[in-house]
Amino acid sequence: MPLYLVASHHHYDAIIAGYFTTIMLIAGLVGEMVAAPISDRTGKRVPFIIISTVVSTPLLFLLNAPMDQLTLLLVLIGIGFFFYLGVPPNTAFQTEVTPRDSQGLAFGLLFSIGAIPGALSPIIFGWIGDVYGLQASVMFLVITSLLAAVFSLLLREKKGAAKDVAIALDPFIVPE
């Protein structure tokens, strides 16, 4: 993100780009802290995954639009918050849909297989940026996020998902 903010049409100073990226990541931390207890309390995982991808996609698209500093900061806060909003429910969802006796294997496979696109994406992003420009690289992110949004719409909650689970960090429910 800092490179994009410096080298793209935004032309921000590297220090400002670093601040903006930090604020975006802090918003992501807040998104995770909001989603985790609510998802656990309601037993719902899929709506958070859907909201995360569906809202993040247009916000990523906005990165290519010219905007003032405050608007860009708000877009980055939105990207951070909503992108990371789906992380805790996604992990819980994986736990719930995997048979208990093979959860270790399932998580190992999911994270290992997930590491492959995670390793290749920066290479693809950089290649697209070098050949077509950084704005095209952002469009690559938009397209992959859009695909994730479409696939998230196909997810279904597991029947009998937990509800009203007491969470130590939840200010509304005190664990027994």
Protein backbone atom coordinates (compact mmCIF):
# COMPACT_ATOMS: atom_id res chain seq x y z
CA MET A 1 0.00 0.00 0.00
CA PRO A 2 2.72 2.56 0.78
CA LEU A 3 4.33 2.02 -2.63
CA TYR A 4 0.98 2.49 -4.34
CA LEU A 5 0.29 5.72 -2.44
CA VAL A 6 3.74 7.07 -3.33
CA ALA A 7 4.13 5.88 -6.93
CA SER A 8 0.54 6.10 -8.19
CA HIS A 9 -1.44 9.15 -9.14
CA HIS A 10 -1.83 9.95 -5.43
CA HIS A 11 1.89 10.93 -5.14
CA TYR A 12 2.03 10.98 -1.35
CA ASP A 13 5.21 11.37 0.65
CA ALA A 14 6.54 8.00 1.92
CA ILE A 15 5.95 9.02 5.55
CA ILE A 16 2.31 9.95 4.91
CA ALA A 17 1.86 6.72 2.93
CA GLY A 18 3.22 4.79 5.91
CA TYR A 19 0.86 6.59 8.30
CA PHE A 20 -2.11 5.89 6.04
CA THR A 21 -1.18 2.21 5.77
CA THR A 22 -0.81 1.96 9.55
CA ILE A 23 -4.23 3.54 10.05
CA MET A 24 -5.70 1.09 7.51
CA LEU A 25 -4.20 -1.86 9.41
CA ILE A 26 -5.44 -0.51 12.76
CA ALA A 27 -8.93 -0.28 11.24
CA GLY A 28 -8.48 -3.93 10.26
CA LEU A 29 -7.64 -4.83 13.85
CA VAL A 30 -10.80 -3.04 14.98
CA GLY A 31 -12.79 -4.92 12.33
CA GLU A 32 -11.51 -8.23 13.66
CA MET A 33 -12.27 -7.22 17.26
CA VAL A 34 -15.81 -6.23 16.29
CA ALA A 35 -16.56 -9.32 14.19
CA ALA A 36 -15.18 -12.01 16.48
CA PRO A 37 -17.47 -11.57 19.51
CA ILE A 38 -20.57 -10.77 17.45
CA SER A 39 -19.99 -13.77 15.20
CA ASP A 40 -19.44 -16.00 18.23
CA ARG A 41 -22.48 -14.68 20.05
CA THR A 42 -24.81 -15.10 17.09
CA GLY A 43 -23.22 -18.25 15.73
CA LYS A 44 -23.28 -16.66 12.28
CA ARG A 45 -20.13 -16.72 10.18
CA VAL A 46 -21.22 -16.44 6.56
CA PRO A 47 -22.80 -12.95 6.76
CA PHE A 48 -19.50 -11.52 8.00
CA ILE A 49 -17.59 -13.23 5.21
CA ILE A 50 -20.06 -11.90 2.64
CA ILE A 51 -20.07 -8.36 4.05
CA SER A 52 -16.27 -8.39 4.20
CA THR A 53 -15.82 -9.24 0.53
CA VAL A 54 -18.82 -7.36 -0.87
CA VAL A 55 -17.91 -4.07 0.83
CA SER A 56 -14.14 -4.38 0.33
CA THR A 57 -14.46 -4.80 -3.44
CA PRO A 58 -15.88 -1.36 -4.32
CA LEU A 59 -13.60 0.28 -1.76
CA LEU A 60 -10.58 -1.27 -3.49
CA PHE A 61 -11.96 -0.02 -6.81
CA LEU A 62 -12.09 3.52 -5.37
CA LEU A 63 -8.32 3.47 -4.85
CA ASN A 64 -7.91 4.26 -8.54
CA ALA A 65 -10.15 7.32 -8.34
CA PRO A 66 -8.67 10.76 -7.75
CA MET A 67 -9.63 11.95 -4.27
CA ASP A 68 -8.52 14.33 -1.59
CA GLN A 69 -6.46 13.21 1.38
CA LEU A 70 -9.38 12.87 3.82
CA THR A 71 -11.46 10.84 1.37
CA LEU A 72 -8.52 8.53 0.67
CA LEU A 73 -7.98 8.06 4.39
CA LEU A 74 -11.67 7.16 4.85
CA VAL A 75 -11.48 4.69 1.95
CA LEU A 76 -8.38 3.08 3.49
CA ILE A 77 -10.10 2.85 6.88
CA GLY A 78 -13.06 1.18 5.17
CA ILE A 79 -10.78 -1.24 3.32
CA GLY A 80 -8.95 -2.15 6.52
CA PHE A 81 -12.09 -2.54 8.62
CA PHE A 82 -14.16 -4.52 6.14
CA PHE A 83 -11.36 -6.64 4.68
CA TYR A 84 -10.37 -7.92 8.12
CA LEU A 85 -13.96 -8.10 9.38
CA GLY A 86 -14.28 -11.53 7.77
CA VAL A 87 -11.08 -13.07 9.13
CA PRO A 88 -12.28 -14.37 12.56
CA PRO A 89 -15.63 -15.66 11.23
CA ASN A 90 -13.82 -17.30 8.30
CA THR A 91 -11.51 -19.18 10.67
CA ALA A 92 -14.45 -20.20 12.88
CA PHE A 93 -16.42 -21.28 9.80
CA GLN A 94 -13.55 -23.53 8.71
CA THR A 95 -13.55 -25.10 12.16
CA GLU A 96 -17.29 -25.72 12.12
CA VAL A 97 -17.47 -27.33 8.67
CA THR A 98 -14.49 -29.63 9.21
CA PRO A 99 -14.95 -32.99 10.94
CA ARG A 100 -13.38 -32.90 14.41
CA ASP A 101 -11.11 -35.87 13.85
CA SER A 102 -9.48 -34.26 10.80
CA GLN A 103 -9.37 -30.57 11.77
CA GLY A 104 -5.58 -30.52 12.02
CA LEU A 105 -5.20 -31.99 8.56
CA ALA A 106 -7.89 -29.70 7.15
CA PHE A 107 -6.31 -26.56 8.62
CA GLY A 108 -2.87 -27.64 7.45
CA LEU A 109 -4.15 -28.16 3.92
CA LEU A 110 -6.19 -24.94 3.90
CA PHE A 111 -3.34 -22.79 5.14
CA SER A 112 -0.74 -24.52 2.96
CA ILE A 113 -2.88 -24.31 -0.16
CA GLY A 114 -3.82 -20.75 0.81
CA ALA A 115 -0.14 -19.86 1.04
CA ILE A 116 0.34 -20.60 -2.65
CA PRO A 117 -1.91 -17.76 -3.90
CA GLY A 118 -0.58 -15.63 -1.06
CA ALA A 119 2.94 -16.14 -2.38
CA LEU A 120 2.01 -15.72 -6.04
CA SER A 121 -0.24 -12.66 -5.66
CA PRO A 122 2.57 -10.17 -4.93
CA ILE A 123 4.49 -11.50 -7.93
CA ILE A 124 1.44 -11.14 -10.18
CA PHE A 125 0.62 -7.73 -8.66
CA GLY A 126 4.19 -6.54 -9.29
CA TRP A 127 4.29 -7.91 -12.83
CA ILE A 128 0.98 -6.24 -13.69
CA GLY A 129 2.26 -3.02 -12.12
CA ASP A 130 5.49 -3.15 -14.12
CA VAL A 131 3.79 -3.94 -17.42
CA TYR A 132 0.48 -2.06 -17.17
CA GLY A 133 0.90 0.31 -14.22
CA LEU A 134 -0.10 0.28 -10.57
CA GLN A 135 -3.72 1.16 -11.31
CA ALA A 136 -4.01 -2.09 -13.28
CA SER A 137 -2.53 -3.92 -10.28
CA VAL A 138 -5.29 -2.50 -8.11
CA MET A 139 -7.80 -3.77 -10.67
CA PHE A 140 -6.26 -7.23 -10.18
CA LEU A 141 -7.09 -6.88 -6.47
CA VAL A 142 -10.61 -5.74 -7.33
CA ILE A 143 -11.16 -8.74 -9.61
CA THR A 144 -9.85 -11.25 -7.06
CA SER A 145 -11.95 -9.61 -4.34
CA LEU A 146 -14.99 -9.73 -6.63
CA LEU A 147 -14.41 -13.45 -7.21
CA ALA A 148 -14.18 -13.96 -3.44
CA ALA A 149 -17.46 -12.04 -3.03
CA VAL A 150 -19.19 -14.25 -5.59
CA PHE A 151 -17.91 -17.44 -3.96
CA SER A 152 -18.82 -16.17 -0.48
CA LEU A 153 -22.43 -15.87 -1.62
CA LEU A 154 -22.39 -19.65 -2.16
CA LEU A 155 -21.42 -20.41 1.45
CA ARG A 156 -24.05 -21.78 3.85
CA GLU A 157 -24.01 -21.87 7.64
CA LYS A 158 -23.61 -25.26 9.25
CA LYS A 159 -26.87 -26.39 10.80
CA GLY A 160 -26.93 -26.10 14.57
CA ALA A 161 -24.32 -23.34 14.75
CA ALA A 162 -23.60 -22.17 18.30
CA LYS A 163 -25.52 -19.21 19.66
CA ASP A 164 -25.12 -17.07 22.78
CA VAL A 165 -21.57 -18.24 23.44
CA ALA A 166 -19.97 -16.43 26.36
CA ILE A 167 -16.83 -14.59 25.36
CA ALA A 168 -14.29 -13.22 27.81
CA LEU A 169 -13.75 -10.00 25.80
CA ASP A 170 -17.46 -9.47 25.18
CA PRO A 171 -18.72 -6.59 27.35
CA PHE A 172 -22.34 -7.77 27.11
CA ILE A 173 -22.00 -11.41 28.12
CA VAL A 174 -20.02 -12.46 31.17
CA PRO A 175 -18.56 -15.98 30.94
CA GLU A 176 -19.52 -18.37 33.69
